PDB file of N, CA and C in Angstrom:
ATOM      1  N   MET A   1       0.827  -1.147   0.066  1.00  0.00           N
ATOM      2  CA  MET A   1      -0.030   0.004  -0.004  1.00  0.00           C
ATOM      3  C   MET A   1       0.829   1.200   0.024  1.00  0.00           C
ATOM      4  N   ARG A   2       0.554   2.052  -0.868  1.00  0.00           N
ATOM      5  CA  ARG A   2       1.402   3.434  -0.916  1.00  0.00           C
ATOM      6  C   ARG A   2       0.421   4.510  -0.511  1.00  0.00           C
ATOM      7  N   VAL A   3       0.931   5.221   0.512  1.00  0.00           N
ATOM      8  CA  VAL A   3       0.169   6.327   1.233  1.00  0.00           C
ATOM      9  C   VAL A   3       0.665   7.724   0.856  1.00  0.00           C
ATOM     10  N   THR A   4      -0.204   8.651   0.630  1.00  0.00           N
ATOM     11  CA  THR A   4       0.045  10.015   0.359  1.00  0.00           C
ATOM     12  C   THR A   4      -0.544  10.829   1.609  1.00  0.00           C
ATOM     13  N   PRO A   5       0.340  11.284   2.505  1.00  0.00           N
ATOM     14  CA  PRO A   5      -0.178  11.988   3.580  1.00  0.00           C
ATOM     15  C   PRO A   5      -0.359  13.466   3.135  1.00  0.00           C
ATOM     16  N   ARG A   6      -1.206  14.159   3.945  1.00  0.00           N
ATOM     17  CA  ARG A   6      -1.687  15.563   3.532  1.00  0.00           C
ATOM     18  C   ARG A   6      -2.115  15.555   2.094  1.00  0.00           C
ATOM     19  N   GLY A   7      -2.945  14.557   1.668  1.00  0.00           N
ATOM     20  CA  GLY A   7      -3.386  14.389   0.324  1.00  0.00           C
ATOM     21  C   GLY A   7      -4.767  15.177   0.114  1.00  0.00           C
ATOM     22  N   GLY A   8      -5.232  15.982   1.042  1.00  0.00           N
ATOM     23  CA  GLY A   8      -6.440  16.730   0.865  1.00  0.00           C
ATOM     24  C   GLY A   8      -7.708  16.095   1.355  1.00  0.00           C
ATOM     25  N   ARG A   9      -7.718  14.807   1.277  1.00  0.00           N
ATOM     26  CA  ARG A   9      -8.926  14.056   1.702  1.00  0.00           C
ATOM     27  C   ARG A   9      -8.590  12.641   1.985  1.00  0.00           C
ATOM     28  N   ASP A  10      -9.366  11.944   2.638  1.00  0.00           N
ATOM     29  CA  ASP A  10      -9.204  10.471   2.939  1.00  0.00           C
ATOM     30  C   ASP A  10      -9.853   9.683   1.921  1.00  0.00           C
ATOM     31  N   ALA A  11      -9.128   8.930   1.103  1.00  0.00           N
ATOM     32  CA  ALA A  11      -9.683   8.126   0.012  1.00  0.00           C
ATOM     33  C   ALA A  11      -8.792   7.096  -0.446  1.00  0.00           C
ATOM     34  N   VAL A  12      -9.377   6.056  -1.217  1.00  0.00           N
ATOM     35  CA  VAL A  12      -8.697   5.014  -1.818  1.00  0.00           C
ATOM     36  C   VAL A  12      -8.568   5.506  -3.283  1.00  0.00           C
ATOM     37  N   ASP A  13      -7.393   5.552  -3.789  1.00  0.00           N
ATOM     38  CA  ASP A  13      -7.104   6.050  -5.181  1.00  0.00           C
ATOM     39  C   ASP A  13      -6.979   4.869  -6.214  1.00  0.00           C
ATOM     40  N   GLY A  14      -7.160   3.676  -5.840  1.00  0.00           N
ATOM     41  CA  GLY A  14      -7.110   2.526  -6.692  1.00  0.00           C
ATOM     42  C   GLY A  14      -5.745   1.833  -6.640  1.00  0.00           C
ATOM     43  N   TRP A  15      -5.531   1.026  -7.604  1.00  0.00           N
ATOM     44  CA  TRP A  15      -4.348   0.198  -7.786  1.00  0.00           C
ATOM     45  C   TRP A  15      -3.370   0.870  -8.600  1.00  0.00           C
ATOM     46  N   GLY A  16      -2.117   0.771  -8.418  1.00  0.00           N
ATOM     47  CA  GLY A  16      -1.009   1.289  -9.198  1.00  0.00           C
ATOM     48  C   GLY A  16       0.083   0.273  -9.160  1.00  0.00           C
ATOM     49  N   ALA A  17       1.306   0.578  -9.559  1.00  0.00           N
ATOM     50  CA  ALA A  17       2.366  -0.440  -9.578  1.00  0.00           C
ATOM     51  C   ALA A  17       3.582   0.237  -8.898  1.00  0.00           C
ATOM     52  N   ASP A  18       4.389  -0.498  -8.174  1.00  0.00           N
ATOM     53  CA  ASP A  18       5.582  -0.020  -7.490  1.00  0.00           C
ATOM     54  C   ASP A  18       6.739  -0.060  -8.655  1.00  0.00           C
ATOM     55  N   GLU A  19       7.956   0.332  -8.199  1.00  0.00           N
ATOM     56  CA  GLU A  19       8.991   0.297  -9.113  1.00  0.00           C
ATOM     57  C   GLU A  19       9.365  -1.005  -9.855  1.00  0.00           C
ATOM     58  N   ALA A  20       8.984  -2.156  -9.089  1.00  0.00           N
ATOM     59  CA  ALA A  20       9.264  -3.415  -9.568  1.00  0.00           C
ATOM     60  C   ALA A  20       8.160  -4.036 -10.498  1.00  0.00           C
ATOM     61  N   GLY A  21       7.092  -3.157 -10.507  1.00  0.00           N
ATOM     62  CA  GLY A  21       5.907  -3.579 -11.326  1.00  0.00           C
ATOM     63  C   GLY A  21       4.830  -4.416 -10.527  1.00  0.00           C
ATOM     64  N   ARG A  22       5.165  -4.602  -9.277  1.00  0.00           N
ATOM     65  CA  ARG A  22       4.088  -5.200  -8.394  1.00  0.00           C
ATOM     66  C   ARG A  22       2.942  -4.352  -8.064  1.00  0.00           C
ATOM     67  N   PRO A  23       1.707  -4.833  -7.936  1.00  0.00           N
ATOM     68  CA  PRO A  23       0.569  -4.076  -7.695  1.00  0.00           C
ATOM     69  C   PRO A  23       0.637  -3.475  -6.293  1.00  0.00           C
ATOM     70  N   VAL A  24       0.135  -2.237  -6.169  1.00  0.00           N
ATOM     71  CA  VAL A  24       0.078  -1.605  -4.879  1.00  0.00           C
ATOM     72  C   VAL A  24      -1.041  -0.658  -4.787  1.00  0.00           C
ATOM     73  N   LEU A  25      -1.750  -0.824  -3.693  1.00  0.00           N
ATOM     74  CA  LEU A  25      -2.976  -0.120  -3.411  1.00  0.00           C
ATOM     75  C   LEU A  25      -2.546   1.347  -3.051  1.00  0.00           C
ATOM     76  N   LYS A  26      -3.133   2.424  -3.623  1.00  0.00           N
ATOM     77  CA  LYS A  26      -2.851   3.783  -3.386  1.00  0.00           C
ATOM     78  C   LYS A  26      -3.898   4.430  -2.493  1.00  0.00           C
ATOM     79  N   LEU A  27      -3.480   4.982  -1.402  1.00  0.00           N
ATOM     80  CA  LEU A  27      -4.450   5.679  -0.437  1.00  0.00           C
ATOM     81  C   LEU A  27      -3.907   7.083  -0.306  1.00  0.00           C
ATOM     82  N   ARG A  28      -4.789   8.015   0.058  1.00  0.00           N
ATOM     83  CA  ARG A  28      -4.406   9.350   0.417  1.00  0.00           C
ATOM     84  C   ARG A  28      -5.216   9.589   1.778  1.00  0.00           C
ATOM     85  N   VAL A  29      -4.529  10.387   2.609  1.00  0.00           N
ATOM     86  CA  VAL A  29      -5.103  10.774   3.860  1.00  0.00           C
ATOM     87  C   VAL A  29      -4.846  12.233   4.044  1.00  0.00           C
ATOM     88  N   SER A  30      -5.761  12.949   4.678  1.00  0.00           N
ATOM     89  CA  SER A  30      -5.576  14.467   4.815  1.00  0.00           C
ATOM     90  C   SER A  30      -4.671  14.660   6.043  1.00  0.00           C
ATOM     91  N   ALA A  31      -4.384  13.834   6.897  1.00  0.00           N
ATOM     92  CA  ALA A  31      -3.633  13.957   8.062  1.00  0.00           C
ATOM     93  C   ALA A  31      -1.973  14.098   7.645  1.00  0.00           C
ATOM     94  N   ALA A  32      -1.345  14.827   8.414  1.00  0.00           N
ATOM     95  CA  ALA A  32       0.014  14.945   8.159  1.00  0.00           C
ATOM     96  C   ALA A  32       0.853  13.688   8.765  1.00  0.00           C
ATOM     97  N   ALA A  33       2.055  13.479   8.278  1.00  0.00           N
ATOM     98  CA  ALA A  33       2.747  12.310   8.738  1.00  0.00           C
ATOM     99  C   ALA A  33       3.359  12.473  10.221  1.00  0.00           C
ATOM    100  N   ALA A  34       3.246  13.609  10.759  1.00  0.00           N
ATOM    101  CA  ALA A  34       3.747  13.891  12.114  1.00  0.00           C
ATOM    102  C   ALA A  34       2.982  13.215  13.157  1.00  0.00           C
ATOM    103  N   GLU A  35       3.730  12.708  14.124  1.00  0.00           N
ATOM    104  CA  GLU A  35       3.218  12.092  15.333  1.00  0.00           C
ATOM    105  C   GLU A  35       2.186  11.085  15.085  1.00  0.00           C
ATOM    106  N   GLY A  36       2.352  10.312  14.142  1.00  0.00           N
ATOM    107  CA  GLY A  36       1.579   9.056  13.763  1.00  0.00           C
ATOM    108  C   GLY A  36       0.105   9.397  13.175  1.00  0.00           C
ATOM    109  N   ALA A  37      -0.175  10.646  13.041  1.00  0.00           N
ATOM    110  CA  ALA A  37      -1.507  11.027  12.589  1.00  0.00           C
ATOM    111  C   ALA A  37      -1.872  10.342  11.242  1.00  0.00           C
ATOM    112  N   ALA A  38      -0.902  10.222  10.267  1.00  0.00           N
ATOM    113  CA  ALA A  38      -1.280   9.671   8.988  1.00  0.00           C
ATOM    114  C   ALA A  38      -1.611   8.149   9.126  1.00  0.00           C
ATOM    115  N   ASN A  39      -0.662   7.568   9.953  1.00  0.00           N
ATOM    116  CA  ASN A  39      -0.921   5.981  10.209  1.00  0.00           C
ATOM    117  C   ASN A  39      -2.282   5.855  10.763  1.00  0.00           C
ATOM    118  N   ALA A  40      -2.622   6.625  11.816  1.00  0.00           N
ATOM    119  CA  ALA A  40      -3.944   6.472  12.441  1.00  0.00           C
ATOM    120  C   ALA A  40      -5.121   6.654  11.373  1.00  0.00           C
ATOM    121  N   ALA A  41      -4.922   7.625  10.496  1.00  0.00           N
ATOM    122  CA  ALA A  41      -5.872   7.851   9.370  1.00  0.00           C
ATOM    123  C   ALA A  41      -5.874   6.759   8.390  1.00  0.00           C
ATOM    124  N   VAL A  42      -4.867   6.063   8.160  1.00  0.00           N
ATOM    125  CA  VAL A  42      -4.786   4.838   7.203  1.00  0.00           C
ATOM    126  C   VAL A  42      -5.631   3.712   7.930  1.00  0.00           C
ATOM    127  N   VAL A  43      -5.354   3.497   9.188  1.00  0.00           N
ATOM    128  CA  VAL A  43      -5.956   2.381   9.822  1.00  0.00           C
ATOM    129  C   VAL A  43      -7.566   2.698   9.890  1.00  0.00           C
ATOM    130  N   GLN A  44      -7.907   3.889  10.185  1.00  0.00           N
ATOM    131  CA  GLN A  44      -9.342   4.269  10.152  1.00  0.00           C
ATOM    132  C   GLN A  44      -9.897   4.044   8.772  1.00  0.00           C
ATOM    133  N   LEU A  45      -9.265   4.615   7.732  1.00  0.00           N
ATOM    134  CA  LEU A  45      -9.732   4.446   6.372  1.00  0.00           C
ATOM    135  C   LEU A  45     -10.014   3.073   5.952  1.00  0.00           C
ATOM    136  N   VAL A  46      -9.010   2.241   6.116  1.00  0.00           N
ATOM    137  CA  VAL A  46      -9.084   0.789   5.712  1.00  0.00           C
ATOM    138  C   VAL A  46     -10.107   0.065   6.495  1.00  0.00           C
ATOM    139  N   ALA A  47     -10.202   0.306   7.789  1.00  0.00           N
ATOM    140  CA  ALA A  47     -11.227  -0.351   8.581  1.00  0.00           C
ATOM    141  C   ALA A  47     -12.618   0.026   8.070  1.00  0.00           C
ATOM    142  N   LYS A  48     -12.686   1.341   7.847  1.00  0.00           N
ATOM    143  CA  LYS A  48     -14.157   1.884   7.376  1.00  0.00           C
ATOM    144  C   LYS A  48     -14.471   1.154   6.044  1.00  0.00           C
ATOM    145  N   GLN A  49     -13.490   1.154   5.069  1.00  0.00           N
ATOM    146  CA  GLN A  49     -13.682   0.520   3.709  1.00  0.00           C
ATOM    147  C   GLN A  49     -14.166  -0.957   3.836  1.00  0.00           C
ATOM    148  N   LEU A  50     -13.577  -1.630   4.816  1.00  0.00           N
ATOM    149  CA  LEU A  50     -13.821  -3.043   5.106  1.00  0.00           C
ATOM    150  C   LEU A  50     -14.953  -3.312   5.849  1.00  0.00           C
ATOM    151  N   GLY A  51     -15.347  -2.378   6.663  1.00  0.00           N
ATOM    152  CA  GLY A  51     -16.475  -2.593   7.624  1.00  0.00           C
ATOM    153  C   GLY A  51     -16.171  -3.316   8.894  1.00  0.00           C
ATOM    154  N   VAL A  52     -14.837  -3.137   9.348  1.00  0.00           N
ATOM    155  CA  VAL A  52     -14.342  -3.837  10.503  1.00  0.00           C
ATOM    156  C   VAL A  52     -13.949  -2.815  11.533  1.00  0.00           C
ATOM    157  N   PRO A  53     -13.802  -3.132  12.709  1.00  0.00           N
ATOM    158  CA  PRO A  53     -13.319  -2.345  13.796  1.00  0.00           C
ATOM    159  C   PRO A  53     -11.833  -1.883  13.513  1.00  0.00           C
ATOM    160  N   LYS A  54     -11.384  -0.776  13.903  1.00  0.00           N
ATOM    161  CA  LYS A  54      -9.988  -0.369  13.795  1.00  0.00           C
ATOM    162  C   LYS A  54      -8.912  -1.323  14.471  1.00  0.00           C
ATOM    163  N   SER A  55      -9.491  -2.048  15.412  1.00  0.00           N
ATOM    164  CA  SER A  55      -8.712  -2.918  16.083  1.00  0.00           C
ATOM    165  C   SER A  55      -8.225  -4.219  15.385  1.00  0.00           C
ATOM    166  N   CYS A  56      -8.915  -4.315  14.200  1.00  0.00           N
ATOM    167  CA  CYS A  56      -8.622  -5.517  13.282  1.00  0.00           C
ATOM    168  C   CYS A  56      -7.465  -5.126  12.198  1.00  0.00           C
ATOM    169  N   VAL A  57      -7.116  -3.802  12.148  1.00  0.00           N
ATOM    170  CA  VAL A  57      -6.202  -3.304  11.245  1.00  0.00           C
ATOM    171  C   VAL A  57      -4.918  -2.902  11.949  1.00  0.00           C
ATOM    172  N   ALA A  58      -3.780  -3.382  11.508  1.00  0.00           N
ATOM    173  CA  ALA A  58      -2.566  -3.060  12.127  1.00  0.00           C
ATOM    174  C   ALA A  58      -1.489  -2.834  11.058  1.00  0.00           C
ATOM    175  N   ILE A  59      -0.645  -1.765  11.128  1.00  0.00           N
ATOM    176  CA  ILE A  59       0.551  -1.578  10.370  1.00  0.00           C
ATOM    177  C   ILE A  59       1.663  -2.431  10.896  1.00  0.00           C
ATOM    178  N   VAL A  60       2.110  -3.357  10.061  1.00  0.00           N
ATOM    179  CA  VAL A  60       3.141  -4.212  10.410  1.00  0.00           C
ATOM    180  C   VAL A  60       4.598  -3.905   9.887  1.00  0.00           C
ATOM    181  N   ARG A  61       4.494  -3.241   8.890  1.00  0.00           N
ATOM    182  CA  ARG A  61       5.811  -2.690   8.206  1.00  0.00           C
ATOM    183  C   ARG A  61       5.639  -1.292   7.554  1.00  0.00           C
ATOM    184  N   GLY A  62       6.480  -0.469   7.826  1.00  0.00           N
ATOM    185  CA  GLY A  62       6.643   0.868   7.044  1.00  0.00           C
ATOM    186  C   GLY A  62       5.892   1.954   7.898  1.00  0.00           C
ATOM    187  N   GLN A  63       5.961   1.852   9.290  1.00  0.00           N
ATOM    188  CA  GLN A  63       5.328   2.877  10.001  1.00  0.00           C
ATOM    189  C   GLN A  63       5.815   4.346   9.752  1.00  0.00           C
ATOM    190  N   THR A  64       7.151   4.468   9.268  1.00  0.00           N
ATOM    191  CA  THR A  64       7.631   5.809   8.933  1.00  0.00           C
ATOM    192  C   THR A  64       7.806   5.992   7.394  1.00  0.00           C
ATOM    193  N   ALA A  65       7.348   5.131   6.648  1.00  0.00           N
ATOM    194  CA  ALA A  65       7.573   5.161   5.240  1.00  0.00           C
ATOM    195  C   ALA A  65       6.114   5.337   4.505  1.00  0.00           C
ATOM    196  N   ARG A  66       6.168   5.728   3.288  1.00  0.00           N
ATOM    197  CA  ARG A  66       4.905   5.882   2.537  1.00  0.00           C
ATOM    198  C   ARG A  66       4.408   4.541   2.039  1.00  0.00           C
ATOM    199  N   VAL A  67       5.267   3.527   1.837  1.00  0.00           N
ATOM    200  CA  VAL A  67       4.950   2.272   1.567  1.00  0.00           C
ATOM    201  C   VAL A  67       4.618   1.417   2.837  1.00  0.00           C
ATOM    202  N   LYS A  68       3.440   0.843   3.128  1.00  0.00           N
ATOM    203  CA  LYS A  68       3.199   0.210   4.313  1.00  0.00           C
ATOM    204  C   LYS A  68       2.659  -1.211   3.982  1.00  0.00           C
ATOM    205  N   GLN A  69       2.753  -2.105   4.957  1.00  0.00           N
ATOM    206  CA  GLN A  69       2.140  -3.508   4.958  1.00  0.00           C
ATOM    207  C   GLN A  69       1.266  -3.573   6.102  1.00  0.00           C
ATOM    208  N   LEU A  70       0.001  -3.911   5.806  1.00  0.00           N
ATOM    209  CA  LEU A  70      -1.001  -4.105   6.902  1.00  0.00           C
ATOM    210  C   LEU A  70      -1.276  -5.537   7.157  1.00  0.00           C
ATOM    211  N   GLU A  71      -1.688  -5.777   8.404  1.00  0.00           N
ATOM    212  CA  GLU A  71      -2.261  -7.030   8.696  1.00  0.00           C
ATOM    213  C   GLU A  71      -3.640  -6.790   9.095  1.00  0.00           C
ATOM    214  N   ILE A  72      -4.670  -7.559   8.561  1.00  0.00           N
ATOM    215  CA  ILE A  72      -5.999  -7.213   8.735  1.00  0.00           C
ATOM    216  C   ILE A  72      -6.668  -8.612   9.124  1.00  0.00           C
ATOM    217  N   SER A  73      -7.194  -8.601  10.318  1.00  0.00           N
ATOM    218  CA  SER A  73      -7.854  -9.853  10.783  1.00  0.00           C
ATOM    219  C   SER A  73      -9.388  -9.804  10.606  1.00  0.00           C
ATOM    220  N   GLY A  74      -9.989 -10.925  10.296  1.00  0.00           N
ATOM    221  CA  GLY A  74     -11.402 -11.009  10.208  1.00  0.00           C
ATOM    222  C   GLY A  74     -11.925 -10.820   8.719  1.00  0.00           C
ATOM    223  N   VAL A  75     -11.117 -10.760   7.755  1.00  0.00           N
ATOM    224  CA  VAL A  75     -11.555 -10.446   6.384  1.00  0.00           C
ATOM    225  C   VAL A  75     -10.854 -11.499   5.462  1.00  0.00           C
ATOM    226  N   GLY A  76     -11.564 -11.823   4.353  1.00  0.00           N
ATOM    227  CA  GLY A  76     -10.999 -12.745   3.344  1.00  0.00           C
ATOM    228  C   GLY A  76     -10.698 -12.066   2.111  1.00  0.00           C
ATOM    229  N   ALA A  77     -10.274 -12.804   1.145  1.00  0.00           N
ATOM    230  CA  ALA A  77      -9.854 -12.229  -0.142  1.00  0.00           C
ATOM    231  C   ALA A  77     -11.091 -11.486  -0.902  1.00  0.00           C
ATOM    232  N   ALA A  78     -12.264 -12.237  -0.672  1.00  0.00           N
ATOM    233  CA  ALA A  78     -13.432 -11.640  -1.370  1.00  0.00           C
ATOM    234  C   ALA A  78     -13.840 -10.296  -0.741  1.00  0.00           C
ATOM    235  N   ASP A  79     -13.529 -10.133   0.555  1.00  0.00           N
ATOM    236  CA  ASP A  79     -13.938  -8.850   1.323  1.00  0.00           C
ATOM    237  C   ASP A  79     -12.986  -7.819   0.732  1.00  0.00           C
ATOM    238  N   LEU A  80     -11.683  -8.069   0.490  1.00  0.00           N
ATOM    239  CA  LEU A  80     -10.714  -7.276   0.060  1.00  0.00           C
ATOM    240  C   LEU A  80     -11.052  -6.794  -1.448  1.00  0.00           C
ATOM    241  N   ASP A  81     -11.457  -7.734  -2.329  1.00  0.00           N
ATOM    242  CA  ASP A  81     -11.794  -7.554  -3.624  1.00  0.00           C
ATOM    243  C   ASP A  81     -13.030  -6.593  -3.601  1.00  0.00           C
ATOM    244  N   ARG A  82     -13.980  -6.811  -2.738  1.00  0.00           N
ATOM    245  CA  ARG A  82     -15.207  -6.005  -2.733  1.00  0.00           C
ATOM    246  C   ARG A  82     -14.843  -4.528  -2.354  1.00  0.00           C
ATOM    247  N   ALA A  83     -14.026  -4.427  -1.337  1.00  0.00           N
ATOM    248  CA  ALA A  83     -13.663  -3.100  -0.771  1.00  0.00           C
ATOM    249  C   ALA A  83     -12.633  -2.248  -1.623  1.00  0.00           C
ATOM    250  N   PHE A  84     -11.715  -2.998  -2.203  1.00  0.00           N
ATOM    251  CA  PHE A  84     -10.685  -2.186  -3.097  1.00  0.00           C
ATOM    252  C   PHE A  84     -10.518  -2.569  -4.503  1.00  0.00           C
ATOM    253  N   GLY A  85     -11.355  -3.537  -5.000  1.00  0.00           N
ATOM    254  CA  GLY A  85     -11.233  -3.956  -6.284  1.00  0.00           C
ATOM    255  C   GLY A  85     -10.275  -5.025  -6.488  1.00  0.00           C
ATOM    256  N   ARG A  86     -10.060  -5.644  -7.509  1.00  0.00           N
ATOM    257  CA  ARG A  86      -9.103  -6.655  -7.745  1.00  0.00           C
ATOM    258  C   ARG A  86      -7.835  -5.939  -8.327  1.00  0.00           C
ATOM    259  N   PRO A  87      -6.599  -6.351  -7.936  1.00  0.00           N
ATOM    260  CA  PRO A  87      -5.299  -5.737  -8.283  1.00  0.00           C
ATOM    261  C   PRO A  87      -5.150  -6.164  -9.904  1.00  0.00           C
ATOM    262  N   PRO A  88      -4.482  -5.434 -10.541  1.00  0.00           N
ATOM    263  CA  PRO A  88      -4.197  -5.595 -11.987  1.00  0.00           C
ATOM    264  C   PRO A  88      -3.340  -6.856 -12.069  1.00  0.00           C
ATOM    265  N   ALA A  89      -3.502  -7.687 -13.023  1.00  0.00           N
ATOM    266  CA  ALA A  89      -2.645  -8.890 -13.265  1.00  0.00           C
ATOM    267  C   ALA A  89      -1.296  -8.596 -13.675  1.00  0.00           C
TER     268      ALA A  89
END
């Protein structure tokens, strides 16, 4: 997942590709990256999109980077596809 802090609004911008050509979900949050505000906004946005409590979403890698890896409990692949669409092949 690639996050743009201070992006003007909290939104999922769809799928893109990283430098290696791997699919990456693009998000923007209005919060600044200072003091963990952007990370909290990412957790809240993903939880809202999936319809799960914030406690089910955790950032496991990339707390201080734009590229983050999340661990989400209580959802399956179909739930992810429904909330964010299917990544490009």
